[in-house]
Amino acid sequence: MRSRGRQVASKDLEVGRYDLVVAMDRANLAGLQRLARQRADQPPAHLRLFSEVLDDSWPEEVPDPYYGGEDGFEFVLDMLAAGCPLWLEQLGEAGRAGPPTAE
């Protein structure tokens, strides 16, 4: 399988470029918000923390699986499997009702 990756650039965070940019932890969200402020006064509402859609049984941040051994990878996979359908649901609702808002 081929894939490509690159660092996020401030132009990636312009309103309208992407519907949603999801950070896995607060440190990365803060970095994205700082980068977005290079182009605007306020960070756009489409910058969100992954765990926002999850209930309180999950941690507030997606943990780095490398520090949890084999179980860490399973836990993160479970967390992503729980949250991704909820994000897709929100995106579908946003498409019908306008851009998502931070809660």
Protein backbone atom coordinates (compact mmCIF):
# COMPACT_ATOMS: atom_id res chain seq x y z
CA MET A 1 0.00 0.00 0.00
CA ARG A 2 1.28 3.46 -0.89
CA SER A 3 0.71 6.48 1.28
CA ARG A 4 1.93 10.03 1.59
CA GLY A 5 2.25 12.23 4.59
CA ARG A 6 3.34 15.78 5.24
CA GLN A 7 3.25 18.37 7.96
CA VAL A 8 0.14 20.52 8.24
CA ALA A 9 0.59 23.97 6.71
CA SER A 10 -1.34 27.10 7.71
CA LYS A 11 -3.10 27.11 4.32
CA ASP A 12 -4.55 23.67 5.21
CA LEU A 13 -6.45 25.30 8.06
CA GLU A 14 -8.22 27.98 6.04
CA VAL A 15 -11.98 27.92 6.45
CA GLY A 16 -13.50 26.04 3.53
CA ARG A 17 -10.38 24.06 2.61
CA TYR A 18 -11.37 21.04 4.74
CA ASP A 19 -14.65 20.35 6.51
CA LEU A 20 -12.93 19.05 9.60
CA VAL A 21 -9.41 18.83 11.04
CA VAL A 22 -9.22 16.48 14.03
CA ALA A 23 -6.39 16.47 16.57
CA MET A 24 -5.75 13.42 18.72
CA ASP A 25 -4.57 15.34 21.79
CA ARG A 26 -4.68 18.83 23.27
CA ALA A 27 -1.04 19.61 22.46
CA ASN A 28 -1.63 18.95 18.78
CA LEU A 29 -4.92 20.88 18.84
CA ALA A 30 -3.12 23.88 20.38
CA GLY A 31 -0.44 23.65 17.69
CA LEU A 32 -3.08 23.61 14.96
CA GLN A 33 -4.85 26.57 16.55
CA ARG A 34 -1.59 28.56 16.70
CA LEU A 35 -0.90 27.72 13.06
CA ALA A 36 -4.43 28.77 12.06
CA ARG A 37 -4.01 32.11 13.85
CA GLN A 38 -1.24 32.95 11.38
CA ARG A 39 -4.05 33.42 8.84
CA ALA A 40 -6.96 34.59 11.05
CA ASP A 41 -7.69 36.30 14.37
CA GLN A 42 -9.44 33.24 15.82
CA PRO A 43 -8.87 29.55 15.16
CA PRO A 44 -11.61 28.17 12.92
CA ALA A 45 -14.39 26.03 14.42
CA HIS A 46 -13.50 23.09 12.19
CA LEU A 47 -10.41 22.37 14.34
CA ARG A 48 -11.60 19.81 16.86
CA LEU A 49 -10.38 17.29 19.41
CA PHE A 50 -11.15 13.67 18.47
CA SER A 51 -12.58 12.75 21.87
CA GLU A 52 -15.27 15.47 21.71
CA VAL A 53 -17.72 12.97 20.26
CA LEU A 54 -17.00 10.19 22.77
CA ASP A 55 -18.68 9.62 26.12
CA ASP A 56 -16.91 9.93 29.46
CA SER A 57 -15.80 6.29 29.47
CA TRP A 58 -12.97 7.25 27.08
CA PRO A 59 -9.94 9.44 27.87
CA GLU A 60 -9.95 13.09 26.77
CA GLU A 61 -6.99 12.43 24.49
CA VAL A 62 -6.10 9.57 22.18
CA PRO A 63 -3.03 8.07 23.86
CA ASP A 64 0.17 7.34 21.97
CA PRO A 65 -0.02 3.58 21.38
CA TYR A 66 3.75 3.16 21.38
CA TYR A 67 3.80 3.67 25.15
CA GLY A 68 1.08 1.10 25.85
CA GLY A 69 2.69 -1.98 24.34
CA GLU A 70 0.53 -4.30 22.26
CA ASP A 71 -2.50 -3.47 24.41
CA GLY A 72 -1.94 0.22 23.68
CA PHE A 73 -2.48 -0.34 19.98
CA GLU A 74 -5.65 -2.35 20.63
CA PHE A 75 -6.99 0.37 22.93
CA VAL A 76 -6.34 3.15 20.41
CA LEU A 77 -7.93 1.08 17.64
CA ASP A 78 -11.00 0.56 19.83
CA MET A 79 -11.15 4.28 20.61
CA LEU A 80 -10.90 5.22 16.93
CA ALA A 81 -13.50 2.61 15.99
CA ALA A 82 -15.87 4.12 18.57
CA GLY A 83 -15.29 7.73 17.51
CA CYS A 84 -15.00 7.63 13.73
CA PRO A 85 -18.66 6.71 13.08
CA LEU A 86 -19.72 9.54 15.41
CA TRP A 87 -17.57 12.04 13.50
CA LEU A 88 -19.04 10.81 10.21
CA GLU A 89 -22.52 11.27 11.65
CA GLN A 90 -21.66 14.84 12.70
CA LEU A 91 -20.25 15.60 9.27
CA GLY A 92 -23.45 14.34 7.69
CA GLU A 93 -25.51 16.53 10.00
CA ALA A 94 -23.25 19.50 9.34
CA GLY A 95 -23.73 19.06 5.61
CA ARG A 96 -27.45 19.39 6.16
CA ALA A 97 -27.34 22.16 8.79
CA GLY A 98 -24.15 24.16 8.18
CA PRO A 99 -20.66 23.96 9.70
CA PRO A 100 -20.12 22.13 13.01
CA THR A 101 -19.82 24.20 16.18
CA ALA A 102 -17.57 23.49 19.13
CA GLU A 103 -19.48 22.43 22.23
